[in-house]
């Protein structure tokens, strides 16, 4: 497959490089695994230790509600981490002597 578009075809999107897609998928799967472990902990506590989830460690709010809020917030934080980690294409390696920032006359895009 060539990087040039055939006549009458739209050019491939700038981020459709196999290396970039592969790296982004790997990062997403690792972050999904982190969230899955957190959610599994929530489910195990609910299933096997319901009396612990009923405890109110902070201002009268039980652990089930607190843990649920932490899960929601962690999903948002993990999404931000994902965006931060995949913000560059795989072929955007910073060469020595450049900053790698967009518009950098010394080698950035």
PDB file of N, CA and C in Angstrom:
ATOM      1  N   UNK A   1       0.854  -1.176   0.000  1.00  0.00           N
ATOM      2  CA  UNK A   1       0.000   0.000   0.000  1.00  0.00           C
ATOM      3  C   UNK A   1       0.891   1.228   0.000  1.00  0.00           C
ATOM      4  N   UNK A   2       0.714   2.110  -0.928  1.00  0.00           N
ATOM      5  CA  UNK A   2       1.544   3.302  -0.992  1.00  0.00           C
ATOM      6  C   UNK A   2       0.924   4.403  -0.143  1.00  0.00           C
ATOM      7  N   UNK A   3       1.763   5.380   0.212  1.00  0.00           N
ATOM      8  CA  UNK A   3       1.270   6.486   1.028  1.00  0.00           C
ATOM      9  C   UNK A   3       0.556   7.528   0.185  1.00  0.00           C
ATOM     10  N   UNK A   4       0.641   7.414  -1.129  1.00  0.00           N
ATOM     11  CA  UNK A   4      -0.009   8.358  -2.024  1.00  0.00           C
ATOM     12  C   UNK A   4      -1.421   7.884  -2.331  1.00  0.00           C
ATOM     13  N   UNK A   5      -2.324   8.811  -2.456  1.00  0.00           N
ATOM     14  CA  UNK A   5      -3.709   8.470  -2.793  1.00  0.00           C
ATOM     15  C   UNK A   5      -3.846   8.304  -4.298  1.00  0.00           C
ATOM     16  N   UNK A   6      -4.679   7.386  -4.708  1.00  0.00           N
ATOM     17  CA  UNK A   6      -4.989   7.192  -6.122  1.00  0.00           C
ATOM     18  C   UNK A   6      -5.849   8.364  -6.588  1.00  0.00           C
ATOM     19  N   UNK A   7      -5.830   8.657  -7.885  1.00  0.00           N
ATOM     20  CA  UNK A   7      -6.696   9.739  -8.383  1.00  0.00           C
ATOM     21  C   UNK A   7      -8.160   9.462  -8.041  1.00  0.00           C
ATOM     22  N   UNK A   8      -8.836  10.470  -7.546  1.00  0.00           N
ATOM     23  CA  UNK A   8     -10.237  10.331  -7.182  1.00  0.00           C
ATOM     24  C   UNK A   8     -10.446   9.783  -5.780  1.00  0.00           C
ATOM     25  N   UNK A   9      -9.380   9.413  -5.086  1.00  0.00           N
ATOM     26  CA  UNK A   9      -9.461   8.883  -3.721  1.00  0.00           C
ATOM     27  C   UNK A   9      -9.027   9.956  -2.737  1.00  0.00           C
ATOM     28  N   UNK A  10      -9.636   9.946  -1.588  1.00  0.00           N
ATOM     29  CA  UNK A  10      -9.205  10.873  -0.545  1.00  0.00           C
ATOM     30  C   UNK A  10      -7.872  10.392   0.013  1.00  0.00           C
ATOM     31  N   UNK A  11      -6.961  11.299   0.331  1.00  0.00           N
ATOM     32  CA  UNK A  11      -5.689  10.869   0.913  1.00  0.00           C
ATOM     33  C   UNK A  11      -5.923  10.262   2.298  1.00  0.00           C
ATOM     34  N   UNK A  12      -5.055   9.324   2.706  1.00  0.00           N
ATOM     35  CA  UNK A  12      -5.232   8.733   4.030  1.00  0.00           C
ATOM     36  C   UNK A  12      -5.082   9.796   5.109  1.00  0.00           C
ATOM     37  N   UNK A  13      -5.825   9.629   6.186  1.00  0.00           N
ATOM     38  CA  UNK A  13      -5.745  10.573   7.296  1.00  0.00           C
ATOM     39  C   UNK A  13      -4.335  10.578   7.859  1.00  0.00           C
ATOM     40  N   UNK A  14      -3.913  11.705   8.338  1.00  0.00           N
ATOM     41  CA  UNK A  14      -2.550  11.894   8.822  1.00  0.00           C
ATOM     42  C   UNK A  14      -2.181  10.934   9.957  1.00  0.00           C
ATOM     43  N   UNK A  15      -3.163  10.491  10.743  1.00  0.00           N
ATOM     44  CA  UNK A  15      -2.866   9.628  11.891  1.00  0.00           C
ATOM     45  C   UNK A  15      -3.118   8.151  11.627  1.00  0.00           C
ATOM     46  N   UNK A  16      -3.320   7.761  10.388  1.00  0.00           N
ATOM     47  CA  UNK A  16      -3.606   6.364  10.084  1.00  0.00           C
ATOM     48  C   UNK A  16      -2.338   5.590   9.746  1.00  0.00           C
ATOM     49  N   UNK A  17      -1.297   5.797  10.525  1.00  0.00           N
ATOM     50  CA  UNK A  17      -0.070   5.036  10.375  1.00  0.00           C
ATOM     51  C   UNK A  17      -0.194   3.786  11.234  1.00  0.00           C
ATOM     52  N   UNK A  18       0.168   2.624  10.722  1.00  0.00           N
ATOM     53  CA  UNK A  18       0.037   1.393  11.514  1.00  0.00           C
ATOM     54  C   UNK A  18       0.777   1.460  12.855  1.00  0.00           C
ATOM     55  N   UNK A  19       1.940   2.102  12.870  1.00  0.00           N
ATOM     56  CA  UNK A  19       2.694   2.207  14.126  1.00  0.00           C
ATOM     57  C   UNK A  19       1.937   3.037  15.153  1.00  0.00           C
ATOM     58  N   UNK A  20       1.331   4.125  14.685  1.00  0.00           N
ATOM     59  CA  UNK A  20       0.580   4.991  15.591  1.00  0.00           C
ATOM     60  C   UNK A  20      -0.664   4.285  16.119  1.00  0.00           C
ATOM     61  N   UNK A  21      -1.391   3.625  15.228  1.00  0.00           N
ATOM     62  CA  UNK A  21      -2.609   2.916  15.629  1.00  0.00           C
ATOM     63  C   UNK A  21      -2.265   1.814  16.619  1.00  0.00           C
ATOM     64  N   UNK A  22      -1.202   1.086  16.355  1.00  0.00           N
ATOM     65  CA  UNK A  22      -0.781  -0.004  17.232  1.00  0.00           C
ATOM     66  C   UNK A  22      -0.381   0.514  18.614  1.00  0.00           C
ATOM     67  N   UNK A  23       0.403   1.586  18.643  1.00  0.00           N
ATOM     68  CA  UNK A  23       0.824   2.165  19.916  1.00  0.00           C
ATOM     69  C   UNK A  23      -0.384   2.682  20.701  1.00  0.00           C
ATOM     70  N   UNK A  24      -1.289   3.371  20.031  1.00  0.00           N
ATOM     71  CA  UNK A  24      -2.475   3.910  20.699  1.00  0.00           C
ATOM     72  C   UNK A  24      -3.342   2.792  21.261  1.00  0.00           C
ATOM     73  N   UNK A  25      -3.477   1.701  20.520  1.00  0.00           N
ATOM     74  CA  UNK A  25      -4.267   0.562  21.005  1.00  0.00           C
ATOM     75  C   UNK A  25      -3.615  -0.065  22.228  1.00  0.00           C
ATOM     76  N   UNK A  26      -2.289  -0.195  22.207  1.00  0.00           N
ATOM     77  CA  UNK A  26      -1.573  -0.748  23.366  1.00  0.00           C
ATOM     78  C   UNK A  26      -1.778   0.114  24.603  1.00  0.00           C
ATOM     79  N   UNK A  27      -1.633   1.413  24.436  1.00  0.00           N
ATOM     80  CA  UNK A  27      -1.827   2.339  25.560  1.00  0.00           C
ATOM     81  C   UNK A  27      -3.256   2.224  26.081  1.00  0.00           C
ATOM     82  N   UNK A  28      -4.227   2.198  25.172  1.00  0.00           N
ATOM     83  CA  UNK A  28      -5.626   2.083  25.582  1.00  0.00           C
ATOM     84  C   UNK A  28      -5.905   0.794  26.324  1.00  0.00           C
ATOM     85  N   UNK A  29      -5.319  -0.306  25.883  1.00  0.00           N
ATOM     86  CA  UNK A  29      -5.537  -1.585  26.574  1.00  0.00           C
ATOM     87  C   UNK A  29      -4.918  -1.590  27.962  1.00  0.00           C
ATOM     88  N   UNK A  30      -3.743  -0.993  28.117  1.00  0.00           N
ATOM     89  CA  UNK A  30      -3.139  -0.927  29.454  1.00  0.00           C
ATOM     90  C   UNK A  30      -3.999  -0.085  30.404  1.00  0.00           C
ATOM     91  N   UNK A  31      -4.484   1.037  29.923  1.00  0.00           N
ATOM     92  CA  UNK A  31      -5.328   1.886  30.772  1.00  0.00           C
ATOM     93  C   UNK A  31      -6.660   1.206  31.072  1.00  0.00           C
ATOM     94  N   UNK A  32      -7.197   0.468  30.103  1.00  0.00           N
ATOM     95  CA  UNK A  32      -8.408  -0.305  30.342  1.00  0.00           C
ATOM     96  C   UNK A  32      -8.159  -1.356  31.427  1.00  0.00           C
ATOM     97  N   UNK A  33      -6.991  -2.001  31.394  1.00  0.00           N
ATOM     98  CA  UNK A  33      -6.652  -3.005  32.409  1.00  0.00           C
ATOM     99  C   UNK A  33      -6.589  -2.373  33.800  1.00  0.00           C
ATOM    100  N   UNK A  34      -6.048  -1.168  33.891  1.00  0.00           N
ATOM    101  CA  UNK A  34      -6.002  -0.458  35.175  1.00  0.00           C
ATOM    102  C   UNK A  34      -7.427  -0.225  35.685  1.00  0.00           C
ATOM    103  N   UNK A  35      -8.293   0.279  34.808  1.00  0.00           N
ATOM    104  CA  UNK A  35      -9.670   0.545  35.225  1.00  0.00           C
ATOM    105  C   UNK A  35     -10.402  -0.750  35.563  1.00  0.00           C
ATOM    106  N   UNK A  36     -10.151  -1.797  34.795  1.00  0.00           N
ATOM    107  CA  UNK A  36     -10.796  -3.083  35.046  1.00  0.00           C
ATOM    108  C   UNK A  36     -10.413  -3.619  36.431  1.00  0.00           C
ATOM    109  N   UNK A  37      -9.164  -3.472  36.827  1.00  0.00           N
ATOM    110  CA  UNK A  37      -8.742  -3.900  38.170  1.00  0.00           C
ATOM    111  C   UNK A  37      -9.445  -3.085  39.259  1.00  0.00           C
ATOM    112  N   UNK A  38      -9.574  -1.788  39.023  1.00  0.00           N
ATOM    113  CA  UNK A  38     -10.273  -0.951  40.001  1.00  0.00           C
ATOM    114  C   UNK A  38     -11.739  -1.368  40.115  1.00  0.00           C
ATOM    115  N   UNK A  39     -12.371  -1.624  38.976  1.00  0.00           N
ATOM    116  CA  UNK A  39     -13.778  -2.024  38.976  1.00  0.00           C
ATOM    117  C   UNK A  39     -13.946  -3.417  39.596  1.00  0.00           C
ATOM    118  N   UNK A  40     -13.005  -4.310  39.308  1.00  0.00           N
ATOM    119  CA  UNK A  40     -13.059  -5.651  39.902  1.00  0.00           C
ATOM    120  C   UNK A  40     -12.956  -5.558  41.430  1.00  0.00           C
ATOM    121  N   UNK A  41     -12.114  -4.671  41.914  1.00  0.00           N
ATOM    122  CA  UNK A  41     -12.028  -4.463  43.357  1.00  0.00           C
ATOM    123  C   UNK A  41     -13.353  -4.004  43.941  1.00  0.00           C
ATOM    124  N   UNK A  42     -14.022  -3.103  43.231  1.00  0.00           N
ATOM    125  CA  UNK A  42     -15.336  -2.626  43.657  1.00  0.00           C
ATOM    126  C   UNK A  42     -16.338  -3.775  43.703  1.00  0.00           C
ATOM    127  N   UNK A  43     -16.335  -4.596  42.677  1.00  0.00           N
ATOM    128  CA  UNK A  43     -17.277  -5.718  42.618  1.00  0.00           C
ATOM    129  C   UNK A  43     -16.974  -6.770  43.689  1.00  0.00           C
ATOM    130  N   UNK A  44     -15.712  -7.054  43.924  1.00  0.00           N
ATOM    131  CA  UNK A  44     -15.338  -8.033  44.956  1.00  0.00           C
ATOM    132  C   UNK A  44     -15.763  -7.534  46.329  1.00  0.00           C
ATOM    133  N   UNK A  45     -15.509  -6.260  46.601  1.00  0.00           N
ATOM    134  CA  UNK A  45     -15.941  -5.705  47.891  1.00  0.00           C
ATOM    135  C   UNK A  45     -17.458  -5.794  48.047  1.00  0.00           C
ATOM    136  N   UNK A  46     -18.194  -5.463  46.994  1.00  0.00           N
ATOM    137  CA  UNK A  46     -19.657  -5.532  47.065  1.00  0.00           C
ATOM    138  C   UNK A  46     -20.156  -6.958  47.248  1.00  0.00           C
ATOM    139  N   UNK A  47     -19.543  -7.905  46.575  1.00  0.00           N
ATOM    140  CA  UNK A  47     -20.023  -9.286  46.603  1.00  0.00           C
ATOM    141  C   UNK A  47     -19.643 -10.019  47.887  1.00  0.00           C
ATOM    142  N   UNK A  48     -18.409  -9.805  48.343  1.00  0.00           N
ATOM    143  CA  UNK A  48     -17.912 -10.618  49.450  1.00  0.00           C
ATOM    144  C   UNK A  48     -17.754  -9.873  50.774  1.00  0.00           C
ATOM    145  N   UNK A  49     -17.759  -8.566  50.752  1.00  0.00           N
ATOM    146  CA  UNK A  49     -17.608  -7.785  51.976  1.00  0.00           C
ATOM    147  C   UNK A  49     -18.608  -6.625  52.024  1.00  0.00           C
ATOM    148  N   UNK A  50     -19.902  -6.933  51.931  1.00  0.00           N
ATOM    149  CA  UNK A  50     -20.889  -5.847  51.895  1.00  0.00           C
ATOM    150  C   UNK A  50     -20.893  -5.009  53.177  1.00  0.00           C
ATOM    151  N   UNK A  51     -20.526  -5.612  54.292  1.00  0.00           N
ATOM    152  CA  UNK A  51     -20.495  -4.846  55.545  1.00  0.00           C
ATOM    153  C   UNK A  51     -19.408  -3.768  55.491  1.00  0.00           C
ATOM    154  N   UNK A  52     -18.322  -4.020  54.763  1.00  0.00           N
ATOM    155  CA  UNK A  52     -17.278  -3.004  54.611  1.00  0.00           C
ATOM    156  C   UNK A  52     -17.778  -1.849  53.737  1.00  0.00           C
ATOM    157  N   UNK A  53     -18.557  -2.184  52.726  1.00  0.00           N
ATOM    158  CA  UNK A  53     -19.068  -1.141  51.835  1.00  0.00           C
ATOM    159  C   UNK A  53     -20.106  -0.257  52.531  1.00  0.00           C
ATOM    160  N   UNK A  54     -20.713  -0.783  53.591  1.00  0.00           N
ATOM    161  CA  UNK A  54     -21.702  -0.002  54.331  1.00  0.00           C
ATOM    162  C   UNK A  54     -21.047   0.955  55.321  1.00  0.00           C
ATOM    163  N   UNK A  55     -19.777   0.748  55.600  1.00  0.00           N
ATOM    164  CA  UNK A  55     -19.068   1.630  56.538  1.00  0.00           C
ATOM    165  C   UNK A  55     -19.011   3.045  55.970  1.00  0.00           C
ATOM    166  N   UNK A  56     -19.049   4.029  56.874  1.00  0.00           N
ATOM    167  CA  UNK A  56     -19.038   5.438  56.469  1.00  0.00           C
ATOM    168  C   UNK A  56     -17.746   6.099  56.942  1.00  0.00           C
ATOM    169  N   UNK A  57     -16.671   5.982  56.177  1.00  0.00           N
ATOM    170  CA  UNK A  57     -15.390   6.506  56.632  1.00  0.00           C
ATOM    171  C   UNK A  57     -15.224   8.020  56.494  1.00  0.00           C
ATOM    172  N   UNK A  58     -16.048   8.669  55.685  1.00  0.00           N
ATOM    173  CA  UNK A  58     -15.836  10.086  55.418  1.00  0.00           C
ATOM    174  C   UNK A  58     -17.156  10.851  55.457  1.00  0.00           C
ATOM    175  N   UNK A  59     -17.375  11.589  56.507  1.00  0.00           N
ATOM    176  CA  UNK A  59     -18.532  12.468  56.599  1.00  0.00           C
ATOM    177  C   UNK A  59     -19.878  11.792  56.459  1.00  0.00           C
ATOM    178  N   UNK A  60     -20.005  10.558  56.899  1.00  0.00           N
ATOM    179  CA  UNK A  60     -21.278   9.870  56.839  1.00  0.00           C
ATOM    180  C   UNK A  60     -21.605   9.261  55.482  1.00  0.00           C
ATOM    181  N   UNK A  61     -20.704   9.391  54.512  1.00  0.00           N
ATOM    182  CA  UNK A  61     -20.924   8.808  53.187  1.00  0.00           C
ATOM    183  C   UNK A  61     -20.299   7.422  53.177  1.00  0.00           C
ATOM    184  N   UNK A  62     -21.097   6.417  52.771  1.00  0.00           N
ATOM    185  CA  UNK A  62     -20.570   5.053  52.846  1.00  0.00           C
ATOM    186  C   UNK A  62     -19.515   4.788  51.776  1.00  0.00           C
ATOM    187  N   UNK A  63     -18.751   3.716  51.999  1.00  0.00           N
ATOM    188  CA  UNK A  63     -17.640   3.369  51.126  1.00  0.00           C
ATOM    189  C   UNK A  63     -18.099   3.041  49.711  1.00  0.00           C
ATOM    190  N   UNK A  64     -19.281   2.471  49.562  1.00  0.00           N
ATOM    191  CA  UNK A  64     -19.795   2.145  48.221  1.00  0.00           C
ATOM    192  C   UNK A  64     -19.938   3.408  47.371  1.00  0.00           C
ATOM    193  N   UNK A  65     -20.485   4.456  47.964  1.00  0.00           N
ATOM    194  CA  UNK A  65     -20.658   5.710  47.233  1.00  0.00           C
ATOM    195  C   UNK A  65     -19.299   6.343  46.942  1.00  0.00           C
ATOM    196  N   UNK A  66     -18.416   6.352  47.947  1.00  0.00           N
ATOM    197  CA  UNK A  66     -17.092   6.933  47.732  1.00  0.00           C
ATOM    198  C   UNK A  66     -16.316   6.187  46.649  1.00  0.00           C
ATOM    199  N   UNK A  67     -16.346   4.866  46.721  1.00  0.00           N
ATOM    200  CA  UNK A  67     -15.636   4.059  45.728  1.00  0.00           C
ATOM    201  C   UNK A  67     -16.241   4.290  44.340  1.00  0.00           C
ATOM    202  N   UNK A  68     -17.557   4.391  44.260  1.00  0.00           N
ATOM    203  CA  UNK A  68     -18.209   4.673  42.980  1.00  0.00           C
ATOM    204  C   UNK A  68     -17.779   6.016  42.407  1.00  0.00           C
ATOM    205  N   UNK A  69     -17.697   7.037  43.263  1.00  0.00           N
ATOM    206  CA  UNK A  69     -17.236   8.352  42.805  1.00  0.00           C
ATOM    207  C   UNK A  69     -15.782   8.295  42.349  1.00  0.00           C
ATOM    208  N   UNK A  70     -14.964   7.546  43.062  1.00  0.00           N
ATOM    209  CA  UNK A  70     -13.564   7.380  42.665  1.00  0.00           C
ATOM    210  C   UNK A  70     -13.481   6.687  41.303  1.00  0.00           C
ATOM    211  N   UNK A  71     -14.333   5.701  41.067  1.00  0.00           N
ATOM    212  CA  UNK A  71     -14.344   5.036  39.761  1.00  0.00           C
ATOM    213  C   UNK A  71     -14.709   6.012  38.641  1.00  0.00           C
ATOM    214  N   UNK A  72     -15.690   6.849  38.881  1.00  0.00           N
ATOM    215  CA  UNK A  72     -16.099   7.824  37.870  1.00  0.00           C
ATOM    216  C   UNK A  72     -14.973   8.820  37.603  1.00  0.00           C
ATOM    217  N   UNK A  73     -14.389   9.337  38.670  1.00  0.00           N
ATOM    218  CA  UNK A  73     -13.290  10.298  38.513  1.00  0.00           C
ATOM    219  C   UNK A  73     -12.064   9.655  37.868  1.00  0.00           C
ATOM    220  N   UNK A  74     -11.789   8.406  38.223  1.00  0.00           N
ATOM    221  CA  UNK A  74     -10.624   7.740  37.636  1.00  0.00           C
ATOM    222  C   UNK A  74     -10.832   7.477  36.146  1.00  0.00           C
ATOM    223  N   UNK A  75     -12.057   7.238  35.721  1.00  0.00           N
ATOM    224  CA  UNK A  75     -12.318   7.077  34.286  1.00  0.00           C
ATOM    225  C   UNK A  75     -11.969   8.368  33.550  1.00  0.00           C
ATOM    226  N   UNK A  76     -12.339   9.491  34.122  1.00  0.00           N
ATOM    227  CA  UNK A  76     -12.020  10.790  33.522  1.00  0.00           C
ATOM    228  C   UNK A  76     -10.512  11.018  33.509  1.00  0.00           C
ATOM    229  N   UNK A  77      -9.844  10.729  34.621  1.00  0.00           N
ATOM    230  CA  UNK A  77      -8.389  10.915  34.704  1.00  0.00           C
ATOM    231  C   UNK A  77      -7.675   9.986  33.723  1.00  0.00           C
ATOM    232  N   UNK A  78      -8.113   8.735  33.631  1.00  0.00           N
ATOM    233  CA  UNK A  78      -7.490   7.806  32.687  1.00  0.00           C
ATOM    234  C   UNK A  78      -7.697   8.259  31.241  1.00  0.00           C
ATOM    235  N   UNK A  79      -8.834   8.863  30.951  1.00  0.00           N
ATOM    236  CA  UNK A  79      -9.061   9.404  29.608  1.00  0.00           C
ATOM    237  C   UNK A  79      -8.078  10.539  29.321  1.00  0.00           C
ATOM    238  N   UNK A  80      -7.837  11.402  30.307  1.00  0.00           N
ATOM    239  CA  UNK A  80      -6.855  12.478  30.136  1.00  0.00           C
ATOM    240  C   UNK A  80      -5.447  11.928  29.972  1.00  0.00           C
ATOM    241  N   UNK A  81      -5.113  10.894  30.729  1.00  0.00           N
ATOM    242  CA  UNK A  81      -3.805  10.250  30.605  1.00  0.00           C
ATOM    243  C   UNK A  81      -3.650   9.668  29.201  1.00  0.00           C
ATOM    244  N   UNK A  82      -4.706   9.031  28.698  1.00  0.00           N
ATOM    245  CA  UNK A  82      -4.669   8.467  27.343  1.00  0.00           C
ATOM    246  C   UNK A  82      -4.399   9.559  26.314  1.00  0.00           C
ATOM    247  N   UNK A  83      -5.124  10.654  26.410  1.00  0.00           N
ATOM    248  CA  UNK A  83      -4.943  11.753  25.465  1.00  0.00           C
ATOM    249  C   UNK A  83      -3.518  12.285  25.548  1.00  0.00           C
ATOM    250  N   UNK A  84      -2.983  12.397  26.744  1.00  0.00           N
ATOM    251  CA  UNK A  84      -1.615  12.876  26.919  1.00  0.00           C
ATOM    252  C   UNK A  84      -0.609  11.911  26.294  1.00  0.00           C
ATOM    253  N   UNK A  85      -0.811  10.605  26.502  1.00  0.00           N
ATOM    254  CA  UNK A  85       0.151   9.614  26.021  1.00  0.00           C
ATOM    255  C   UNK A  85       0.108   9.407  24.515  1.00  0.00           C
ATOM    256  N   UNK A  86      -1.034   9.652  23.877  1.00  0.00           N
ATOM    257  CA  UNK A  86      -1.147   9.394  22.429  1.00  0.00           C
ATOM    258  C   UNK A  86      -1.221  10.683  21.616  1.00  0.00           C
ATOM    259  N   UNK A  87      -0.798  11.771  22.172  1.00  0.00           N
ATOM    260  CA  UNK A  87      -0.923  13.055  21.485  1.00  0.00           C
ATOM    261  C   UNK A  87       0.011  13.192  20.293  1.00  0.00           C
ATOM    262  N   UNK A  88       1.010  12.338  20.186  1.00  0.00           N
ATOM    263  CA  UNK A  88       1.956  12.416  19.077  1.00  0.00           C
ATOM    264  C   UNK A  88       1.870  11.167  18.219  1.00  0.00           C
ATOM    265  N   UNK A  89       2.179  11.322  16.948  1.00  0.00           N
ATOM    266  CA  UNK A  89       2.250  10.168  16.062  1.00  0.00           C
ATOM    267  C   UNK A  89       3.532   9.406  16.355  1.00  0.00           C
ATOM    268  N   UNK A  90       3.553   8.141  15.984  1.00  0.00           N
ATOM    269  CA  UNK A  90       4.723   7.297  16.233  1.00  0.00           C
ATOM    270  C   UNK A  90       5.953   7.800  15.486  1.00  0.00           C
ATOM    271  N   UNK A  91       5.777   8.442  14.342  1.00  0.00           N
ATOM    272  CA  UNK A  91       6.929   8.903  13.566  1.00  0.00           C
ATOM    273  C   UNK A  91       7.341  10.332  13.909  1.00  0.00           C
ATOM    274  N   UNK A  92       6.806  10.882  14.977  1.00  0.00           N
ATOM    275  CA  UNK A  92       7.151  12.240  15.403  1.00  0.00           C
ATOM    276  C   UNK A  92       8.270  12.238  16.431  1.00  0.00           C
ATOM    277  N   UNK A  93       9.241  11.371  16.278  1.00  0.00           N
ATOM    278  CA  UNK A  93      10.348  11.313  17.236  1.00  0.00           C
ATOM    279  C   UNK A  93      11.087  12.644  17.208  1.00  0.00           C
ATOM    280  N   UNK A  94      11.467  13.093  18.371  1.00  0.00           N
ATOM    281  CA  UNK A  94      12.197  14.352  18.473  1.00  0.00           C
ATOM    282  C   UNK A  94      13.665  14.080  18.166  1.00  0.00           C
ATOM    283  N   UNK A  95      14.155  14.781  17.162  1.00  0.00           N
ATOM    284  CA  UNK A  95      15.559  14.628  16.791  1.00  0.00           C
ATOM    285  C   UNK A  95      16.422  15.513  17.681  1.00  0.00           C
ATOM    286  N   UNK A  96      17.692  15.134  17.911  1.00  0.00           N
ATOM    287  CA  UNK A  96      18.588  15.984  18.703  1.00  0.00           C
ATOM    288  C   UNK A  96      18.664  17.387  18.100  1.00  0.00           C
ATOM    289  N   UNK A  97      18.610  18.391  18.945  1.00  0.00           N
ATOM    290  CA  UNK A  97      18.692  19.768  18.485  1.00  0.00           C
ATOM    291  C   UNK A  97      17.354  20.381  18.135  1.00  0.00           C
ATOM    292  N   UNK A  98      16.249  19.638  18.312  1.00  0.00           N
ATOM    293  CA  UNK A  98      14.920  20.179  18.031  1.00  0.00           C
ATOM    294  C   UNK A  98      14.074  20.071  19.282  1.00  0.00           C
ATOM    295  N   UNK A  99      13.018  20.848  19.313  1.00  0.00           N
ATOM    296  CA  UNK A  99      12.102  20.774  20.450  1.00  0.00           C
ATOM    297  C   UNK A  99      10.949  19.841  20.158  1.00  0.00           C
ATOM    298  N   UNK A 100      10.672  19.595  18.866  1.00  0.00           N
ATOM    299  CA  UNK A 100       9.559  18.741  18.477  1.00  0.00           C
ATOM    300  C   UNK A 100       8.215  19.427  18.552  1.00  0.00           C
ATOM    301  N   UNK A 101       8.198  20.719  18.881  1.00  0.00           N
ATOM    302  CA  UNK A 101       6.927  21.451  18.969  1.00  0.00           C
ATOM    303  C   UNK A 101       6.458  21.888  17.590  1.00  0.00           C
ATOM    304  N   UNK A 102       5.144  21.961  17.404  1.00  0.00           N
ATOM    305  CA  UNK A 102       4.627  22.439  16.123  1.00  0.00           C
ATOM    306  C   UNK A 102       5.155  23.841  15.829  1.00  0.00           C
ATOM    307  N   UNK A 103       5.562  24.062  14.588  1.00  0.00           N
ATOM    308  CA  UNK A 103       6.055  25.363  14.190  1.00  0.00           C
ATOM    309  C   UNK A 103       7.515  25.601  14.499  1.00  0.00           C
ATOM    310  N   UNK A 104       8.183  24.637  15.098  1.00  0.00           N
ATOM    311  CA  UNK A 104       9.601  24.788  15.414  1.00  0.00           C
ATOM    312  C   UNK A 104      10.383  24.773  14.108  1.00  0.00           C
ATOM    313  N   UNK A 105      11.094  25.836  13.824  1.00  0.00           N
ATOM    314  CA  UNK A 105      11.835  25.938  12.581  1.00  0.00           C
ATOM    315  C   UNK A 105      12.987  24.935  12.517  1.00  0.00           C
ATOM    316  N   UNK A 106      13.316  24.368  13.661  1.00  0.00           N
ATOM    317  CA  UNK A 106      14.427  23.420  13.682  1.00  0.00           C
ATOM    318  C   UNK A 106      13.968  21.977  13.537  1.00  0.00           C
ATOM    319  N   UNK A 107      12.739  21.732  13.134  1.00  0.00           N
ATOM    320  CA  UNK A 107      12.345  20.352  12.880  1.00  0.00           C
ATOM    321  C   UNK A 107      10.960  19.980  13.317  1.00  0.00           C
ATOM    322  N   UNK A 108      10.229  20.841  13.986  1.00  0.00           N
ATOM    323  CA  UNK A 108       8.861  20.502  14.385  1.00  0.00           C
ATOM    324  C   UNK A 108       7.914  20.649  13.217  1.00  0.00           C
ATOM    325  N   UNK A 109       6.649  20.234  13.402  1.00  0.00           N
ATOM    326  CA  UNK A 109       5.645  20.348  12.336  1.00  0.00           C
ATOM    327  C   UNK A 109       4.897  21.634  12.469  1.00  0.00           C
TER     328      UNK A 109
END
